[in-house]
């Protein structure tokens, strides 16, 4: 599964109850730039670049897939330089917790 495919399936594993009233735009700098809009307990995936993202994450596609499947610890990815981020660091810490990693593994 490519990172883009994973991000397109992510709404199926997104925990809207945990997201609460969070409103954010997350840009993923990947082989195929993609961003997600989180609002009203939902997430939608859009191809391209967001105009003013709250958070930008840059990493290899395979690392993003491993991260959301729970196979790569976010702290390890960041400390080893496999994950670079710009913007709201608190939002970055929340992202993985908003996704059911077991469900992500089931989806592909």
PDB file of N, CA and C in Angstrom:
ATOM      1  N   UNK A   1       0.842  -1.173   0.000  1.00  0.00           N
ATOM      2  CA  UNK A   1       0.000   0.000   0.000  1.00  0.00           C
ATOM      3  C   UNK A   1       0.891   1.241   0.000  1.00  0.00           C
ATOM      4  N   UNK A   2       0.585   2.179  -0.867  1.00  0.00           N
ATOM      5  CA  UNK A   2       1.347   3.427  -0.897  1.00  0.00           C
ATOM      6  C   UNK A   2       0.854   4.339   0.220  1.00  0.00           C
ATOM      7  N   UNK A   3       1.644   5.346   0.522  1.00  0.00           N
ATOM      8  CA  UNK A   3       1.245   6.313   1.540  1.00  0.00           C
ATOM      9  C   UNK A   3      -0.036   7.028   1.133  1.00  0.00           C
ATOM     10  N   UNK A   4      -0.154   7.361  -0.137  1.00  0.00           N
ATOM     11  CA  UNK A   4      -1.365   8.032  -0.619  1.00  0.00           C
ATOM     12  C   UNK A   4      -2.593   7.139  -0.416  1.00  0.00           C
ATOM     13  N   UNK A   5      -2.476   5.859  -0.731  1.00  0.00           N
ATOM     14  CA  UNK A   5      -3.584   4.924  -0.532  1.00  0.00           C
ATOM     15  C   UNK A   5      -3.948   4.820   0.945  1.00  0.00           C
ATOM     16  N   UNK A   6      -2.938   4.779   1.798  1.00  0.00           N
ATOM     17  CA  UNK A   6      -3.182   4.718   3.234  1.00  0.00           C
ATOM     18  C   UNK A   6      -3.950   5.950   3.689  1.00  0.00           C
ATOM     19  N   UNK A   7      -3.517   7.125   3.256  1.00  0.00           N
ATOM     20  CA  UNK A   7      -4.189   8.352   3.676  1.00  0.00           C
ATOM     21  C   UNK A   7      -5.632   8.403   3.169  1.00  0.00           C
ATOM     22  N   UNK A   8      -5.887   7.835   2.014  1.00  0.00           N
ATOM     23  CA  UNK A   8      -7.252   7.788   1.494  1.00  0.00           C
ATOM     24  C   UNK A   8      -8.132   6.829   2.295  1.00  0.00           C
ATOM     25  N   UNK A   9      -7.541   5.789   2.874  1.00  0.00           N
ATOM     26  CA  UNK A   9      -8.293   4.831   3.686  1.00  0.00           C
ATOM     27  C   UNK A   9      -8.375   5.260   5.153  1.00  0.00           C
ATOM     28  N   UNK A  10      -7.541   6.190   5.547  1.00  0.00           N
ATOM     29  CA  UNK A  10      -7.459   6.599   6.944  1.00  0.00           C
ATOM     30  C   UNK A  10      -8.807   6.995   7.547  1.00  0.00           C
ATOM     31  N   UNK A  11      -9.714   7.656   6.827  1.00  0.00           N
ATOM     32  CA  UNK A  11     -11.006   7.988   7.442  1.00  0.00           C
ATOM     33  C   UNK A  11     -11.756   6.775   7.981  1.00  0.00           C
ATOM     34  N   UNK A  12     -11.518   5.595   7.423  1.00  0.00           N
ATOM     35  CA  UNK A  12     -12.181   4.384   7.893  1.00  0.00           C
ATOM     36  C   UNK A  12     -11.663   3.927   9.254  1.00  0.00           C
ATOM     37  N   UNK A  13     -10.493   4.400   9.653  1.00  0.00           N
ATOM     38  CA  UNK A  13      -9.897   4.026  10.932  1.00  0.00           C
ATOM     39  C   UNK A  13      -9.777   5.223  11.875  1.00  0.00           C
ATOM     40  N   UNK A  14     -10.339   6.357  11.470  1.00  0.00           N
ATOM     41  CA  UNK A  14     -10.241   7.600  12.236  1.00  0.00           C
ATOM     42  C   UNK A  14     -11.236   7.570  13.390  1.00  0.00           C
ATOM     43  N   UNK A  15     -10.786   7.949  14.580  1.00  0.00           N
ATOM     44  CA  UNK A  15     -11.637   7.978  15.769  1.00  0.00           C
ATOM     45  C   UNK A  15     -12.161   9.403  15.966  1.00  0.00           C
ATOM     46  N   UNK A  16     -13.309   9.682  15.375  1.00  0.00           N
ATOM     47  CA  UNK A  16     -13.890  11.015  15.436  1.00  0.00           C
ATOM     48  C   UNK A  16     -14.220  11.461  16.850  1.00  0.00           C
ATOM     49  N   UNK A  17     -14.575  10.518  17.716  1.00  0.00           N
ATOM     50  CA  UNK A  17     -14.890  10.869  19.103  1.00  0.00           C
ATOM     51  C   UNK A  17     -13.657  11.429  19.806  1.00  0.00           C
ATOM     52  N   UNK A  18     -12.507  10.835  19.559  1.00  0.00           N
ATOM     53  CA  UNK A  18     -11.263  11.347  20.158  1.00  0.00           C
ATOM     54  C   UNK A  18     -10.876  12.703  19.588  1.00  0.00           C
ATOM     55  N   UNK A  19     -11.193  12.919  18.328  1.00  0.00           N
ATOM     56  CA  UNK A  19     -10.838  14.189  17.682  1.00  0.00           C
ATOM     57  C   UNK A  19     -11.648  15.337  18.259  1.00  0.00           C
ATOM     58  N   UNK A  20     -12.865  15.038  18.713  1.00  0.00           N
ATOM     59  CA  UNK A  20     -13.698  16.075  19.315  1.00  0.00           C
ATOM     60  C   UNK A  20     -13.908  17.241  18.376  1.00  0.00           C
ATOM     61  N   UNK A  21     -13.619  18.441  18.866  1.00  0.00           N
ATOM     62  CA  UNK A  21     -13.829  19.655  18.066  1.00  0.00           C
ATOM     63  C   UNK A  21     -12.538  20.136  17.394  1.00  0.00           C
ATOM     64  N   UNK A  22     -11.577  19.252  17.259  1.00  0.00           N
ATOM     65  CA  UNK A  22     -10.307  19.604  16.615  1.00  0.00           C
ATOM     66  C   UNK A  22     -10.547  20.057  15.178  1.00  0.00           C
ATOM     67  N   UNK A  23      -9.959  21.161  14.818  1.00  0.00           N
ATOM     68  CA  UNK A  23      -9.983  21.640  13.431  1.00  0.00           C
ATOM     69  C   UNK A  23      -8.536  21.884  13.036  1.00  0.00           C
ATOM     70  N   UNK A  24      -8.058  21.147  12.033  1.00  0.00           N
ATOM     71  CA  UNK A  24      -6.658  21.269  11.636  1.00  0.00           C
ATOM     72  C   UNK A  24      -6.473  20.818  10.199  1.00  0.00           C
ATOM     73  N   UNK A  25      -5.411  21.333   9.593  1.00  0.00           N
ATOM     74  CA  UNK A  25      -5.002  20.911   8.256  1.00  0.00           C
ATOM     75  C   UNK A  25      -3.579  20.383   8.378  1.00  0.00           C
ATOM     76  N   UNK A  26      -3.389  19.133   7.926  1.00  0.00           N
ATOM     77  CA  UNK A  26      -2.087  18.477   8.009  1.00  0.00           C
ATOM     78  C   UNK A  26      -1.596  18.192   6.594  1.00  0.00           C
ATOM     79  N   UNK A  27      -0.442  18.728   6.269  1.00  0.00           N
ATOM     80  CA  UNK A  27       0.191  18.505   4.962  1.00  0.00           C
ATOM     81  C   UNK A  27       1.190  17.364   5.096  1.00  0.00           C
ATOM     82  N   UNK A  28       1.138  16.417   4.168  1.00  0.00           N
ATOM     83  CA  UNK A  28       2.109  15.319   4.120  1.00  0.00           C
ATOM     84  C   UNK A  28       2.972  15.523   2.888  1.00  0.00           C
ATOM     85  N   UNK A  29       4.257  15.765   3.097  1.00  0.00           N
ATOM     86  CA  UNK A  29       5.195  15.891   1.982  1.00  0.00           C
ATOM     87  C   UNK A  29       5.739  14.496   1.687  1.00  0.00           C
ATOM     88  N   UNK A  30       5.152  13.879   0.686  1.00  0.00           N
ATOM     89  CA  UNK A  30       5.448  12.512   0.301  1.00  0.00           C
ATOM     90  C   UNK A  30       5.754  12.474  -1.190  1.00  0.00           C
ATOM     91  N   UNK A  31       5.888  11.289  -1.753  1.00  0.00           N
ATOM     92  CA  UNK A  31       6.083  11.172  -3.200  1.00  0.00           C
ATOM     93  C   UNK A  31       4.924  11.852  -3.937  1.00  0.00           C
ATOM     94  N   UNK A  32       3.712  11.716  -3.393  1.00  0.00           N
ATOM     95  CA  UNK A  32       2.531  12.409  -3.916  1.00  0.00           C
ATOM     96  C   UNK A  32       2.018  13.312  -2.797  1.00  0.00           C
ATOM     97  N   UNK A  33       2.346  14.608  -2.820  1.00  0.00           N
ATOM     98  CA  UNK A  33       1.904  15.496  -1.745  1.00  0.00           C
ATOM     99  C   UNK A  33       0.387  15.406  -1.536  1.00  0.00           C
ATOM    100  N   UNK A  34       0.014  15.321  -0.273  1.00  0.00           N
ATOM    101  CA  UNK A  34      -1.372  15.123   0.116  1.00  0.00           C
ATOM    102  C   UNK A  34      -1.601  15.883   1.415  1.00  0.00           C
ATOM    103  N   UNK A  35      -2.827  16.357   1.603  1.00  0.00           N
ATOM    104  CA  UNK A  35      -3.142  16.946   2.899  1.00  0.00           C
ATOM    105  C   UNK A  35      -4.479  16.432   3.389  1.00  0.00           C
ATOM    106  N   UNK A  36      -4.666  16.567   4.701  1.00  0.00           N
ATOM    107  CA  UNK A  36      -5.917  16.141   5.301  1.00  0.00           C
ATOM    108  C   UNK A  36      -6.502  17.293   6.092  1.00  0.00           C
ATOM    109  N   UNK A  37      -7.820  17.372   6.035  1.00  0.00           N
ATOM    110  CA  UNK A  37      -8.560  18.363   6.797  1.00  0.00           C
ATOM    111  C   UNK A  37      -9.333  17.600   7.872  1.00  0.00           C
ATOM    112  N   UNK A  38      -9.077  17.968   9.117  1.00  0.00           N
ATOM    113  CA  UNK A  38      -9.762  17.357  10.260  1.00  0.00           C
ATOM    114  C   UNK A  38     -10.721  18.404  10.807  1.00  0.00           C
ATOM    115  N   UNK A  39     -12.017  18.061  10.833  1.00  0.00           N
ATOM    116  CA  UNK A  39     -13.009  18.983  11.390  1.00  0.00           C
ATOM    117  C   UNK A  39     -14.286  18.229  11.720  1.00  0.00           C
ATOM    118  N   UNK A  40     -14.945  18.675  12.752  1.00  0.00           N
ATOM    119  CA  UNK A  40     -16.228  18.102  13.180  1.00  0.00           C
ATOM    120  C   UNK A  40     -16.154  16.579  13.345  1.00  0.00           C
ATOM    121  N   UNK A  41     -15.038  16.075  13.876  1.00  0.00           N
ATOM    122  CA  UNK A  41     -14.905  14.646  14.119  1.00  0.00           C
ATOM    123  C   UNK A  41     -14.701  13.800  12.881  1.00  0.00           C
ATOM    124  N   UNK A  42     -14.359  14.433  11.760  1.00  0.00           N
ATOM    125  CA  UNK A  42     -14.118  13.704  10.517  1.00  0.00           C
ATOM    126  C   UNK A  42     -12.769  14.101   9.945  1.00  0.00           C
ATOM    127  N   UNK A  43     -12.320  13.323   8.973  1.00  0.00           N
ATOM    128  CA  UNK A  43     -11.088  13.657   8.261  1.00  0.00           C
ATOM    129  C   UNK A  43     -11.330  13.387   6.784  1.00  0.00           C
ATOM    130  N   UNK A  44     -10.865  14.306   5.953  1.00  0.00           N
ATOM    131  CA  UNK A  44     -10.936  14.072   4.513  1.00  0.00           C
ATOM    132  C   UNK A  44      -9.562  14.307   3.917  1.00  0.00           C
ATOM    133  N   UNK A  45      -9.269  13.539   2.874  1.00  0.00           N
ATOM    134  CA  UNK A  45      -7.962  13.537   2.238  1.00  0.00           C
ATOM    135  C   UNK A  45      -8.059  14.234   0.890  1.00  0.00           C
ATOM    136  N   UNK A  46      -7.079  15.121   0.625  1.00  0.00           N
ATOM    137  CA  UNK A  46      -7.075  15.916  -0.601  1.00  0.00           C
ATOM    138  C   UNK A  46      -5.685  15.815  -1.241  1.00  0.00           C
ATOM    139  N   UNK A  47      -5.651  15.610  -2.556  1.00  0.00           N
ATOM    140  CA  UNK A  47      -4.378  15.575  -3.277  1.00  0.00           C
ATOM    141  C   UNK A  47      -3.831  16.990  -3.395  1.00  0.00           C
ATOM    142  N   UNK A  48      -2.506  17.120  -3.307  1.00  0.00           N
ATOM    143  CA  UNK A  48      -1.862  18.409  -3.513  1.00  0.00           C
ATOM    144  C   UNK A  48      -1.339  19.038  -2.244  1.00  0.00           C
ATOM    145  N   UNK A  49      -1.234  20.356  -2.298  1.00  0.00           N
ATOM    146  CA  UNK A  49      -0.664  21.115  -1.176  1.00  0.00           C
ATOM    147  C   UNK A  49      -1.692  22.071  -0.603  1.00  0.00           C
ATOM    148  N   UNK A  50      -1.776  22.088   0.715  1.00  0.00           N
ATOM    149  CA  UNK A  50      -2.673  23.002   1.413  1.00  0.00           C
ATOM    150  C   UNK A  50      -2.056  24.394   1.417  1.00  0.00           C
ATOM    151  N   UNK A  51      -2.904  25.392   1.388  1.00  0.00           N
ATOM    152  CA  UNK A  51      -2.420  26.764   1.349  1.00  0.00           C
ATOM    153  C   UNK A  51      -1.723  27.179   2.649  1.00  0.00           C
ATOM    154  N   UNK A  52      -2.314  26.838   3.779  1.00  0.00           N
ATOM    155  CA  UNK A  52      -1.733  27.237   5.071  1.00  0.00           C
ATOM    156  C   UNK A  52      -1.946  26.120   6.094  1.00  0.00           C
ATOM    157  N   UNK A  53      -1.177  25.026   5.993  1.00  0.00           N
ATOM    158  CA  UNK A  53      -1.379  23.905   6.923  1.00  0.00           C
ATOM    159  C   UNK A  53      -0.960  24.266   8.348  1.00  0.00           C
ATOM    160  N   UNK A  54      -1.614  23.630   9.302  1.00  0.00           N
ATOM    161  CA  UNK A  54      -1.239  23.797  10.713  1.00  0.00           C
ATOM    162  C   UNK A  54       0.021  22.994  11.029  1.00  0.00           C
ATOM    163  N   UNK A  55       0.215  21.924  10.275  1.00  0.00           N
ATOM    164  CA  UNK A  55       1.342  21.020  10.491  1.00  0.00           C
ATOM    165  C   UNK A  55       1.770  20.444   9.154  1.00  0.00           C
ATOM    166  N   UNK A  56       3.072  20.377   8.929  1.00  0.00           N
ATOM    167  CA  UNK A  56       3.609  19.720   7.743  1.00  0.00           C
ATOM    168  C   UNK A  56       4.531  18.601   8.207  1.00  0.00           C
ATOM    169  N   UNK A  57       4.275  17.402   7.686  1.00  0.00           N
ATOM    170  CA  UNK A  57       5.096  16.236   7.991  1.00  0.00           C
ATOM    171  C   UNK A  57       5.790  15.790   6.713  1.00  0.00           C
ATOM    172  N   UNK A  58       7.091  15.612   6.781  1.00  0.00           N
ATOM    173  CA  UNK A  58       7.870  15.150   5.632  1.00  0.00           C
ATOM    174  C   UNK A  58       8.560  13.853   6.020  1.00  0.00           C
ATOM    175  N   UNK A  59       8.305  12.824   5.208  1.00  0.00           N
ATOM    176  CA  UNK A  59       8.927  11.532   5.470  1.00  0.00           C
ATOM    177  C   UNK A  59       8.774  10.643   4.248  1.00  0.00           C
ATOM    178  N   UNK A  60       9.508   9.566   4.238  1.00  0.00           N
ATOM    179  CA  UNK A  60       9.390   8.589   3.150  1.00  0.00           C
ATOM    180  C   UNK A  60       8.030   7.912   3.238  1.00  0.00           C
ATOM    181  N   UNK A  61       7.500   7.566   2.089  1.00  0.00           N
ATOM    182  CA  UNK A  61       6.180   6.936   2.045  1.00  0.00           C
ATOM    183  C   UNK A  61       6.093   5.699   2.937  1.00  0.00           C
ATOM    184  N   UNK A  62       7.095   4.840   2.843  1.00  0.00           N
ATOM    185  CA  UNK A  62       7.050   3.601   3.625  1.00  0.00           C
ATOM    186  C   UNK A  62       7.091   3.867   5.124  1.00  0.00           C
ATOM    187  N   UNK A  63       7.740   4.951   5.539  1.00  0.00           N
ATOM    188  CA  UNK A  63       7.772   5.305   6.957  1.00  0.00           C
ATOM    189  C   UNK A  63       6.402   5.795   7.431  1.00  0.00           C
ATOM    190  N   UNK A  64       5.697   6.532   6.597  1.00  0.00           N
ATOM    191  CA  UNK A  64       4.360   6.991   6.971  1.00  0.00           C
ATOM    192  C   UNK A  64       3.424   5.798   7.141  1.00  0.00           C
ATOM    193  N   UNK A  65       3.498   4.844   6.230  1.00  0.00           N
ATOM    194  CA  UNK A  65       2.664   3.641   6.329  1.00  0.00           C
ATOM    195  C   UNK A  65       2.980   2.909   7.634  1.00  0.00           C
ATOM    196  N   UNK A  66       4.248   2.710   7.930  1.00  0.00           N
ATOM    197  CA  UNK A  66       4.657   2.024   9.163  1.00  0.00           C
ATOM    198  C   UNK A  66       4.202   2.791  10.398  1.00  0.00           C
ATOM    199  N   UNK A  67       4.261   4.105  10.352  1.00  0.00           N
ATOM    200  CA  UNK A  67       3.853   4.941  11.485  1.00  0.00           C
ATOM    201  C   UNK A  67       2.377   4.744  11.802  1.00  0.00           C
ATOM    202  N   UNK A  68       1.516   4.847  10.801  1.00  0.00           N
ATOM    203  CA  UNK A  68       0.085   4.733  11.043  1.00  0.00           C
ATOM    204  C   UNK A  68      -0.367   3.303  11.323  1.00  0.00           C
ATOM    205  N   UNK A  69       0.432   2.320  10.964  1.00  0.00           N
ATOM    206  CA  UNK A  69       0.115   0.923  11.299  1.00  0.00           C
ATOM    207  C   UNK A  69       0.649   0.537  12.670  1.00  0.00           C
ATOM    208  N   UNK A  70       1.369   1.441  13.319  1.00  0.00           N
ATOM    209  CA  UNK A  70       1.926   1.152  14.637  1.00  0.00           C
ATOM    210  C   UNK A  70       3.220   0.371  14.587  1.00  0.00           C
ATOM    211  N   UNK A  71       3.858   0.319  13.432  1.00  0.00           N
ATOM    212  CA  UNK A  71       5.100  -0.436  13.257  1.00  0.00           C
ATOM    213  C   UNK A  71       6.339   0.438  13.414  1.00  0.00           C
ATOM    214  N   UNK A  72       6.148   1.746  13.509  1.00  0.00           N
ATOM    215  CA  UNK A  72       7.247   2.701  13.693  1.00  0.00           C
ATOM    216  C   UNK A  72       6.814   3.707  14.745  1.00  0.00           C
ATOM    217  N   UNK A  73       7.590   3.829  15.806  1.00  0.00           N
ATOM    218  CA  UNK A  73       7.264   4.776  16.875  1.00  0.00           C
ATOM    219  C   UNK A  73       7.531   6.200  16.396  1.00  0.00           C
ATOM    220  N   UNK A  74       6.583   7.109  16.616  1.00  0.00           N
ATOM    221  CA  UNK A  74       6.780   8.491  16.181  1.00  0.00           C
ATOM    222  C   UNK A  74       8.054   9.116  16.755  1.00  0.00           C
ATOM    223  N   UNK A  75       8.335   8.852  18.021  1.00  0.00           N
ATOM    224  CA  UNK A  75       9.525   9.442  18.635  1.00  0.00           C
ATOM    225  C   UNK A  75      10.804   8.932  17.980  1.00  0.00           C
ATOM    226  N   UNK A  76      10.840   7.651  17.643  1.00  0.00           N
ATOM    227  CA  UNK A  76      12.006   7.075  16.972  1.00  0.00           C
ATOM    228  C   UNK A  76      12.165   7.681  15.576  1.00  0.00           C
ATOM    229  N   UNK A  77      11.056   7.802  14.863  1.00  0.00           N
ATOM    230  CA  UNK A  77      11.099   8.389  13.516  1.00  0.00           C
ATOM    231  C   UNK A  77      11.648   9.811  13.574  1.00  0.00           C
ATOM    232  N   UNK A  78      11.199  10.578  14.557  1.00  0.00           N
ATOM    233  CA  UNK A  78      11.651  11.967  14.679  1.00  0.00           C
ATOM    234  C   UNK A  78      13.121  12.031  15.088  1.00  0.00           C
ATOM    235  N   UNK A  79      13.499  11.254  16.096  1.00  0.00           N
ATOM    236  CA  UNK A  79      14.878  11.319  16.613  1.00  0.00           C
ATOM    237  C   UNK A  79      15.906  10.830  15.606  1.00  0.00           C
ATOM    238  N   UNK A  80      15.514   9.950  14.703  1.00  0.00           N
ATOM    239  CA  UNK A  80      16.452   9.429  13.708  1.00  0.00           C
ATOM    240  C   UNK A  80      16.404  10.214  12.395  1.00  0.00           C
ATOM    241  N   UNK A  81      15.585  11.258  12.349  1.00  0.00           N
ATOM    242  CA  UNK A  81      15.503  12.094  11.149  1.00  0.00           C
ATOM    243  C   UNK A  81      14.625  11.527  10.042  1.00  0.00           C
ATOM    244  N   UNK A  82      13.923  10.456  10.333  1.00  0.00           N
ATOM    245  CA  UNK A  82      13.027   9.871   9.326  1.00  0.00           C
ATOM    246  C   UNK A  82      11.718  10.647   9.215  1.00  0.00           C
ATOM    247  N   UNK A  83      11.453  11.462  10.220  1.00  0.00           N
ATOM    248  CA  UNK A  83      10.269  12.318  10.234  1.00  0.00           C
ATOM    249  C   UNK A  83      10.728  13.741  10.530  1.00  0.00           C
ATOM    250  N   UNK A  84      10.337  14.647   9.643  1.00  0.00           N
ATOM    251  CA  UNK A  84      10.612  16.067   9.863  1.00  0.00           C
ATOM    252  C   UNK A  84       9.272  16.774   9.924  1.00  0.00           C
ATOM    253  N   UNK A  85       9.160  17.712  10.845  1.00  0.00           N
ATOM    254  CA  UNK A  85       7.888  18.405  10.966  1.00  0.00           C
ATOM    255  C   UNK A  85       8.076  19.894  11.147  1.00  0.00           C
ATOM    256  N   UNK A  86       7.039  20.601  10.726  1.00  0.00           N
ATOM    257  CA  UNK A  86       7.032  22.047  10.846  1.00  0.00           C
ATOM    258  C   UNK A  86       5.611  22.447  11.235  1.00  0.00           C
ATOM    259  N   UNK A  87       5.496  23.261  12.248  1.00  0.00           N
ATOM    260  CA  UNK A  87       4.174  23.719  12.661  1.00  0.00           C
ATOM    261  C   UNK A  87       3.831  23.250  14.063  1.00  0.00           C
ATOM    262  N   UNK A  88       2.577  22.923  14.282  1.00  0.00           N
ATOM    263  CA  UNK A  88       2.011  22.584  15.590  1.00  0.00           C
ATOM    264  C   UNK A  88       2.466  21.197  16.053  1.00  0.00           C
ATOM    265  N   UNK A  89       3.462  21.176  16.910  1.00  0.00           N
ATOM    266  CA  UNK A  89       4.024  19.920  17.398  1.00  0.00           C
ATOM    267  C   UNK A  89       2.999  19.151  18.231  1.00  0.00           C
ATOM    268  N   UNK A  90       2.161  19.864  18.990  1.00  0.00           N
ATOM    269  CA  UNK A  90       1.122  19.183  19.783  1.00  0.00           C
ATOM    270  C   UNK A  90       0.167  18.405  18.875  1.00  0.00           C
ATOM    271  N   UNK A  91      -0.149  18.978  17.738  1.00  0.00           N
ATOM    272  CA  UNK A  91      -1.013  18.296  16.777  1.00  0.00           C
ATOM    273  C   UNK A  91      -0.339  17.019  16.269  1.00  0.00           C
ATOM    274  N   UNK A  92       0.947  17.092  16.027  1.00  0.00           N
ATOM    275  CA  UNK A  92       1.694  15.913  15.568  1.00  0.00           C
ATOM    276  C   UNK A  92       1.592  14.785  16.597  1.00  0.00           C
ATOM    277  N   UNK A  93       1.653  15.133  17.865  1.00  0.00           N
ATOM    278  CA  UNK A  93       1.560  14.131  18.923  1.00  0.00           C
ATOM    279  C   UNK A  93       0.170  13.493  18.972  1.00  0.00           C
ATOM    280  N   UNK A  94      -0.858  14.236  18.609  1.00  0.00           N
ATOM    281  CA  UNK A  94      -2.230  13.730  18.629  1.00  0.00           C
ATOM    282  C   UNK A  94      -2.551  12.805  17.466  1.00  0.00           C
ATOM    283  N   UNK A  95      -1.948  13.037  16.317  1.00  0.00           N
ATOM    284  CA  UNK A  95      -2.365  12.358  15.092  1.00  0.00           C
ATOM    285  C   UNK A  95      -2.446  10.848  15.192  1.00  0.00           C
ATOM    286  N   UNK A  96      -1.403  10.221  15.659  1.00  0.00           N
ATOM    287  CA  UNK A  96      -1.379   8.762  15.708  1.00  0.00           C
ATOM    288  C   UNK A  96      -2.443   8.243  16.668  1.00  0.00           C
ATOM    289  N   UNK A  97      -2.738   8.999  17.728  1.00  0.00           N
ATOM    290  CA  UNK A  97      -3.756   8.572  18.685  1.00  0.00           C
ATOM    291  C   UNK A  97      -5.171   8.664  18.121  1.00  0.00           C
ATOM    292  N   UNK A  98      -5.348   9.379  17.035  1.00  0.00           N
ATOM    293  CA  UNK A  98      -6.676   9.532  16.432  1.00  0.00           C
ATOM    294  C   UNK A  98      -6.996   8.409  15.445  1.00  0.00           C
ATOM    295  N   UNK A  99      -6.051   7.504  15.261  1.00  0.00           N
ATOM    296  CA  UNK A  99      -6.208   6.427  14.278  1.00  0.00           C
ATOM    297  C   UNK A  99      -6.146   5.080  14.989  1.00  0.00           C
ATOM    298  N   UNK A 100      -7.102   4.222  14.686  1.00  0.00           N
ATOM    299  CA  UNK A 100      -7.110   2.862  15.197  1.00  0.00           C
ATOM    300  C   UNK A 100      -6.102   2.055  14.367  1.00  0.00           C
ATOM    301  N   UNK A 101      -4.939   1.802  14.948  1.00  0.00           N
ATOM    302  CA  UNK A 101      -3.852   1.157  14.214  1.00  0.00           C
ATOM    303  C   UNK A 101      -4.189  -0.276  13.833  1.00  0.00           C
ATOM    304  N   UNK A 102      -4.951  -0.989  14.660  1.00  0.00           N
ATOM    305  CA  UNK A 102      -5.369  -2.345  14.295  1.00  0.00           C
ATOM    306  C   UNK A 102      -6.248  -2.287  13.042  1.00  0.00           C
ATOM    307  N   UNK A 103      -7.141  -1.322  12.990  1.00  0.00           N
ATOM    308  CA  UNK A 103      -8.018  -1.162  11.822  1.00  0.00           C
ATOM    309  C   UNK A 103      -7.191  -0.829  10.580  1.00  0.00           C
ATOM    310  N   UNK A 104      -6.170   0.031  10.736  1.00  0.00           N
ATOM    311  CA  UNK A 104      -5.317   0.384   9.602  1.00  0.00           C
ATOM    312  C   UNK A 104      -4.622  -0.850   9.042  1.00  0.00           C
ATOM    313  N   UNK A 105      -4.161  -1.738   9.919  1.00  0.00           N
ATOM    314  CA  UNK A 105      -3.515  -2.974   9.460  1.00  0.00           C
ATOM    315  C   UNK A 105      -4.516  -3.855   8.708  1.00  0.00           C
ATOM    316  N   UNK A 106      -5.763  -3.899   9.161  1.00  0.00           N
ATOM    317  CA  UNK A 106      -6.805  -4.678   8.478  1.00  0.00           C
ATOM    318  C   UNK A 106      -7.103  -4.123   7.084  1.00  0.00           C
ATOM    319  N   UNK A 107      -7.028  -2.806   6.944  1.00  0.00           N
ATOM    320  CA  UNK A 107      -7.377  -2.172   5.684  1.00  0.00           C
ATOM    321  C   UNK A 107      -6.329  -2.385   4.597  1.00  0.00           C
ATOM    322  N   UNK A 108      -5.167  -2.832   4.988  1.00  0.00           N
ATOM    323  CA  UNK A 108      -4.177  -3.085   3.953  1.00  0.00           C
ATOM    324  C   UNK A 108      -2.823  -2.939   4.451  1.00  0.00           C
TER     325      UNK A 108
END
